[in-house]
N, C-alpha and C. Protein backbone atom coordinates (compact mmCIF):
# COMPACT_ATOMS: atom_id res chain seq x y z
N ARG A 1 18.94 25.44 -25.13
CA ARG A 1 20.34 25.66 -24.46
C ARG A 1 20.41 26.94 -23.66
N THR A 2 19.59 27.92 -23.96
CA THR A 2 19.67 29.22 -23.17
C THR A 2 19.06 28.94 -21.75
N LYS A 3 18.05 28.18 -21.62
CA LYS A 3 17.50 27.89 -20.35
C LYS A 3 18.62 27.06 -19.36
N ALA A 4 19.29 26.20 -20.04
CA ALA A 4 20.40 25.40 -19.38
C ALA A 4 21.42 26.44 -18.84
N LEU A 5 21.89 27.40 -19.71
CA LEU A 5 22.95 28.30 -19.34
C LEU A 5 22.42 29.27 -18.25
N VAL A 6 21.19 29.67 -18.27
CA VAL A 6 20.66 30.55 -17.19
C VAL A 6 20.68 29.71 -15.89
N LEU A 7 20.30 28.48 -15.87
CA LEU A 7 20.34 27.71 -14.64
C LEU A 7 21.75 27.53 -14.09
N GLU A 8 22.70 27.36 -15.06
CA GLU A 8 24.09 27.20 -14.57
C GLU A 8 24.64 28.51 -14.00
N LEU A 9 24.21 29.69 -14.46
CA LEU A 9 24.51 30.92 -13.97
C LEU A 9 23.88 31.13 -12.55
N LEU A 10 22.62 30.73 -12.47
CA LEU A 10 21.92 30.81 -11.11
C LEU A 10 22.54 29.96 -10.12
N ALA A 11 22.94 28.73 -10.56
CA ALA A 11 23.63 27.92 -9.61
C ALA A 11 24.99 28.47 -9.12
N ALA A 12 25.72 28.97 -10.03
CA ALA A 12 27.02 29.66 -9.71
C ALA A 12 26.85 30.85 -8.69
N VAL A 13 25.72 31.63 -8.97
CA VAL A 13 25.43 32.71 -7.97
C VAL A 13 25.08 32.18 -6.56
N CYS A 14 24.44 31.08 -6.56
CA CYS A 14 24.13 30.42 -5.19
C CYS A 14 25.50 30.19 -4.35
N LEU A 15 26.61 29.97 -5.12
CA LEU A 15 27.82 29.50 -4.38
C LEU A 15 28.65 30.72 -3.83
N VAL A 16 28.27 31.93 -4.29
CA VAL A 16 29.10 33.11 -3.81
C VAL A 16 28.33 33.62 -2.47
N ARG A 17 29.12 34.30 -1.68
CA ARG A 17 28.59 34.77 -0.48
C ARG A 17 27.28 35.75 -0.71
N GLY A 18 26.23 35.36 -0.10
CA GLY A 18 25.02 36.10 -0.14
C GLY A 18 24.25 35.75 -1.38
N GLY A 19 24.78 34.98 -2.25
CA GLY A 19 24.09 34.61 -3.50
C GLY A 19 22.92 33.71 -3.33
N HIS A 20 23.04 32.81 -2.45
CA HIS A 20 21.94 31.81 -2.17
C HIS A 20 20.60 32.65 -1.80
N ASP A 21 20.77 33.58 -0.93
CA ASP A 21 19.71 34.48 -0.47
C ASP A 21 19.08 35.27 -1.58
N ILE A 22 19.96 35.63 -2.50
CA ILE A 22 19.52 36.49 -3.66
C ILE A 22 18.70 35.61 -4.58
N ILE A 23 19.18 34.44 -4.92
CA ILE A 23 18.47 33.55 -5.73
C ILE A 23 17.09 33.10 -5.25
N LEU A 24 17.03 32.77 -3.90
CA LEU A 24 15.77 32.46 -3.33
C LEU A 24 14.71 33.65 -3.34
N ALA A 25 15.31 34.82 -3.12
CA ALA A 25 14.45 36.08 -3.16
C ALA A 25 14.00 36.27 -4.57
N ALA A 26 14.90 36.01 -5.63
CA ALA A 26 14.35 36.18 -6.89
C ALA A 26 13.30 35.18 -7.33
N PHE A 27 13.35 33.87 -6.89
CA PHE A 27 12.32 32.86 -7.06
C PHE A 27 11.06 33.30 -6.27
N ASP A 28 11.17 33.88 -5.12
CA ASP A 28 9.94 34.28 -4.33
C ASP A 28 9.37 35.51 -5.12
N ASN A 29 10.07 36.40 -5.62
CA ASN A 29 9.59 37.46 -6.45
C ASN A 29 8.86 36.88 -7.64
N PHE A 30 9.54 36.01 -8.39
CA PHE A 30 8.96 35.47 -9.59
C PHE A 30 7.56 34.81 -9.24
N LYS A 31 7.56 34.09 -8.07
CA LYS A 31 6.36 33.43 -7.66
C LYS A 31 5.23 34.42 -7.48
N GLU A 32 5.55 35.54 -6.87
CA GLU A 32 4.46 36.61 -6.56
C GLU A 32 4.01 37.25 -7.98
N VAL A 33 5.04 37.63 -8.78
CA VAL A 33 4.70 38.40 -9.99
C VAL A 33 3.87 37.49 -10.90
N CYS A 34 4.30 36.16 -11.05
CA CYS A 34 3.72 35.19 -11.96
C CYS A 34 2.50 34.48 -11.42
N GLY A 35 2.17 34.69 -10.11
CA GLY A 35 0.99 34.07 -9.63
C GLY A 35 1.05 32.53 -9.25
N GLU A 36 2.41 32.16 -9.04
CA GLU A 36 2.59 30.71 -8.71
C GLU A 36 2.13 30.48 -7.24
N LYS A 37 1.67 29.20 -7.06
CA LYS A 37 1.22 28.84 -5.62
C LYS A 37 2.49 28.57 -4.79
N ASN A 38 3.47 28.00 -5.40
CA ASN A 38 4.76 27.53 -4.73
C ASN A 38 5.98 28.04 -5.49
N ARG A 39 7.05 28.34 -4.66
CA ARG A 39 8.33 28.74 -5.30
C ARG A 39 8.77 27.45 -6.15
N PHE A 40 9.46 27.81 -7.21
CA PHE A 40 10.06 26.85 -8.04
C PHE A 40 9.02 26.04 -8.87
N GLU A 41 7.78 26.49 -8.86
CA GLU A 41 6.71 25.83 -9.61
C GLU A 41 6.95 25.72 -11.10
N LYS A 42 7.30 26.98 -11.70
CA LYS A 42 7.50 26.99 -13.20
C LYS A 42 8.84 26.28 -13.56
N LEU A 43 9.87 26.25 -12.72
CA LEU A 43 11.06 25.49 -12.92
C LEU A 43 10.73 24.03 -13.08
N MET A 44 9.93 23.52 -12.09
CA MET A 44 9.56 22.06 -12.20
C MET A 44 8.68 21.79 -13.30
N GLU A 45 7.86 22.71 -13.74
CA GLU A 45 7.04 22.47 -14.82
C GLU A 45 7.87 22.33 -16.10
N TYR A 46 8.87 23.21 -16.18
CA TYR A 46 9.75 23.05 -17.42
C TYR A 46 10.62 21.76 -17.29
N PHE A 47 11.06 21.47 -16.10
CA PHE A 47 11.81 20.22 -16.02
C PHE A 47 11.00 19.01 -16.39
N ARG A 48 9.77 18.93 -16.05
CA ARG A 48 8.92 17.73 -16.39
C ARG A 48 8.64 17.78 -17.95
N ASN A 49 8.57 18.91 -18.59
CA ASN A 49 8.25 19.03 -19.88
C ASN A 49 9.36 19.08 -20.94
N GLU A 50 10.58 19.22 -20.48
CA GLU A 50 11.85 19.33 -21.37
C GLU A 50 12.49 18.00 -21.27
N ASP A 51 11.86 16.91 -21.24
CA ASP A 51 12.56 15.58 -21.07
C ASP A 51 13.37 15.26 -22.23
N THR A 52 13.28 15.93 -23.40
CA THR A 52 14.11 15.66 -24.54
C THR A 52 15.32 16.50 -24.52
N ASN A 53 15.40 17.49 -23.67
CA ASN A 53 16.45 18.41 -23.63
C ASN A 53 17.40 18.09 -22.52
N ILE A 54 18.40 17.12 -22.73
CA ILE A 54 19.18 16.57 -21.68
C ILE A 54 20.07 17.63 -21.05
N ASP A 55 20.52 18.69 -21.83
CA ASP A 55 21.42 19.75 -21.25
C ASP A 55 20.58 20.40 -20.14
N PHE A 56 19.31 20.77 -20.57
CA PHE A 56 18.45 21.49 -19.51
C PHE A 56 18.21 20.61 -18.33
N MET A 57 17.87 19.36 -18.51
CA MET A 57 17.59 18.49 -17.37
C MET A 57 18.79 18.33 -16.42
N VAL A 58 19.96 18.31 -17.02
CA VAL A 58 21.23 18.17 -16.21
C VAL A 58 21.41 19.43 -15.41
N ALA A 59 21.31 20.56 -16.14
CA ALA A 59 21.50 21.81 -15.47
C ALA A 59 20.43 22.16 -14.40
N CYS A 60 19.17 21.65 -14.66
CA CYS A 60 18.10 21.73 -13.62
C CYS A 60 18.46 21.00 -12.37
N MET A 61 18.89 19.74 -12.56
CA MET A 61 19.27 18.91 -11.43
C MET A 61 20.43 19.47 -10.62
N GLN A 62 21.40 19.93 -11.35
CA GLN A 62 22.61 20.59 -10.73
C GLN A 62 22.13 21.83 -9.93
N PHE A 63 21.32 22.59 -10.48
CA PHE A 63 20.79 23.81 -9.81
C PHE A 63 20.00 23.37 -8.54
N ILE A 64 19.13 22.48 -8.69
CA ILE A 64 18.38 22.07 -7.46
C ILE A 64 19.32 21.46 -6.35
N ASN A 65 20.32 20.67 -6.74
CA ASN A 65 21.29 20.17 -5.83
C ASN A 65 22.04 21.18 -5.12
N ILE A 66 22.41 22.27 -5.91
CA ILE A 66 23.23 23.36 -5.27
C ILE A 66 22.33 24.13 -4.40
N VAL A 67 21.08 24.50 -4.85
CA VAL A 67 20.18 25.26 -4.01
C VAL A 67 19.99 24.60 -2.66
N VAL A 68 19.72 23.20 -2.61
CA VAL A 68 19.41 22.56 -1.44
C VAL A 68 20.62 22.35 -0.55
N HIS A 69 21.77 22.02 -1.21
CA HIS A 69 22.85 21.53 -0.42
C HIS A 69 23.95 22.64 -0.12
N SER A 70 23.75 23.84 -0.62
CA SER A 70 24.64 24.89 -0.19
C SER A 70 24.19 25.62 0.95
N VAL A 71 23.32 25.11 1.69
CA VAL A 71 22.66 25.75 2.92
C VAL A 71 23.32 25.03 4.11
N GLU A 72 23.82 25.69 5.10
CA GLU A 72 24.41 25.09 6.18
C GLU A 72 23.37 24.62 7.28
N ASN A 73 22.32 25.32 7.34
CA ASN A 73 21.25 25.03 8.32
C ASN A 73 20.55 23.81 7.92
N MET A 74 20.56 22.70 8.65
CA MET A 74 19.99 21.45 8.15
C MET A 74 18.55 21.55 8.12
N ASN A 75 17.84 22.28 9.09
CA ASN A 75 16.41 22.41 9.01
C ASN A 75 15.98 23.05 7.70
N PHE A 76 16.70 24.11 7.33
CA PHE A 76 16.34 24.86 6.12
C PHE A 76 16.61 23.97 4.85
N ARG A 77 17.65 23.15 4.93
CA ARG A 77 18.00 22.22 3.81
C ARG A 77 16.80 21.30 3.59
N VAL A 78 16.36 20.74 4.73
CA VAL A 78 15.14 19.75 4.65
C VAL A 78 13.94 20.59 4.14
N PHE A 79 13.77 21.76 4.56
CA PHE A 79 12.66 22.56 4.03
C PHE A 79 12.70 22.75 2.51
N LEU A 80 13.87 23.04 1.98
CA LEU A 80 14.11 23.21 0.57
C LEU A 80 13.87 21.85 -0.23
N GLN A 81 14.32 20.79 0.44
CA GLN A 81 14.14 19.50 -0.15
C GLN A 81 12.58 19.26 -0.23
N TYR A 82 11.90 19.56 0.73
CA TYR A 82 10.41 19.31 0.80
C TYR A 82 9.72 20.06 -0.23
N GLU A 83 10.23 21.35 -0.45
CA GLU A 83 9.57 22.24 -1.53
C GLU A 83 9.64 21.42 -2.84
N PHE A 84 10.76 20.87 -3.21
CA PHE A 84 10.96 20.18 -4.50
C PHE A 84 10.13 18.88 -4.44
N THR A 85 10.06 18.15 -3.33
CA THR A 85 9.27 16.96 -3.16
C THR A 85 7.80 17.23 -3.35
N HIS A 86 7.42 18.32 -2.79
CA HIS A 86 6.06 18.75 -2.91
C HIS A 86 5.67 19.06 -4.30
N LEU A 87 6.59 19.51 -5.13
CA LEU A 87 6.31 19.84 -6.57
C LEU A 87 6.46 18.63 -7.43
N GLY A 88 6.75 17.48 -6.84
CA GLY A 88 6.80 16.21 -7.56
C GLY A 88 8.10 15.74 -8.10
N LEU A 89 9.25 16.39 -7.56
CA LEU A 89 10.55 15.95 -8.18
C LEU A 89 10.86 14.46 -7.82
N ASP A 90 10.57 14.03 -6.61
CA ASP A 90 10.83 12.69 -6.20
C ASP A 90 10.05 11.66 -7.07
N GLN A 91 8.82 11.97 -7.15
CA GLN A 91 7.94 11.03 -7.95
C GLN A 91 8.41 11.04 -9.46
N TYR A 92 8.78 12.16 -10.01
CA TYR A 92 9.26 12.22 -11.35
C TYR A 92 10.51 11.38 -11.54
N LEU A 93 11.41 11.54 -10.61
CA LEU A 93 12.73 10.74 -10.67
C LEU A 93 12.54 9.32 -10.53
N GLU A 94 11.61 8.93 -9.69
CA GLU A 94 11.32 7.52 -9.46
C GLU A 94 10.70 6.89 -10.60
N VAL A 95 9.67 7.56 -11.18
CA VAL A 95 8.81 7.03 -12.25
C VAL A 95 9.23 7.35 -13.64
N GLY A 96 9.90 8.61 -13.78
CA GLY A 96 10.27 9.01 -15.01
C GLY A 96 9.09 9.56 -15.78
N ASP A 97 9.09 9.58 -17.01
CA ASP A 97 8.07 10.03 -17.84
C ASP A 97 6.93 8.99 -17.92
N PRO A 98 5.75 9.24 -17.34
CA PRO A 98 4.70 8.36 -17.35
C PRO A 98 4.13 8.01 -18.73
N GLU A 99 4.46 8.77 -19.78
CA GLU A 99 4.07 8.52 -21.11
C GLU A 99 5.07 7.47 -21.77
N GLU A 100 6.23 7.33 -21.17
CA GLU A 100 7.19 6.40 -21.72
C GLU A 100 6.84 4.93 -21.36
N GLY A 101 6.41 4.70 -20.11
CA GLY A 101 6.24 3.35 -19.64
C GLY A 101 4.91 2.80 -19.89
């Protein structure tokens, strides 16, 4: 539940003036500090592995939606969508858990 609450707070910060840039900068910093290849890599890893935690999955999808759609610049919005697509979000949502089927 804690992870879900953190994501809800991060999503809320995205919606205040200047908050979106702060959140993206935080994820960029996390990427550098933790040695990720891509921004949001750990978030997507948790998302794929927490499929029994519905609260977290809902909070994660809400966060992703807000991160992508709270941007006015359409090109940047597409870029953010691509980041999540590149990390397998679309495939996961289409297929679901490959171990289930």
